[in-house]
Amino acid sequence: MKSKVLFFGFILAASAAHAEQGVSYKSDVYPIIHDYCLNCHEPGGKGYEASGLDMTSYASLMKGTKYGAVIKPGDSFSSVLIQLVEGRAHPAIKMPFELKGGLSSRKIDTLKSWVAQGAKDN
């Protein structure tokens, strides 16, 4: 019984350490953007042409679209990027547009955590 308690204590401590460490733009967020967003949201892409959203760098992502910001640091619920990947803005424009079913819940949670933690360039 003692070994089970120690094991679960170790797991909780490891989880807490990861939460304190936070989500990294470079290690956690950009790989998602690279794999699922850049084919449309870079200069010359359909998404870029339609909205002006360039996701090739942190600075261009934070600049947003020709309509305004897509990231509200500290507020994942109101951030347009999160609304779009969750399909809350409108199901017809759920992003990534060409990916059936959208992003996995794990990837969406990573994006949400990053925004909630302040959307830092880390």
Foldseek 3Di string as FASTA:
>chain_A
DVVVVVVVVVVVVVVVVDLVVFFACVPQVVVCCVVFPQCAQDPPHVVCVVWVQHPPDLVSQQQPTPVGHQADAQDLPPRNLLCQQVCVVHVCRRPPNPDVPGDDPVSSVSVSRCRNNGVDND
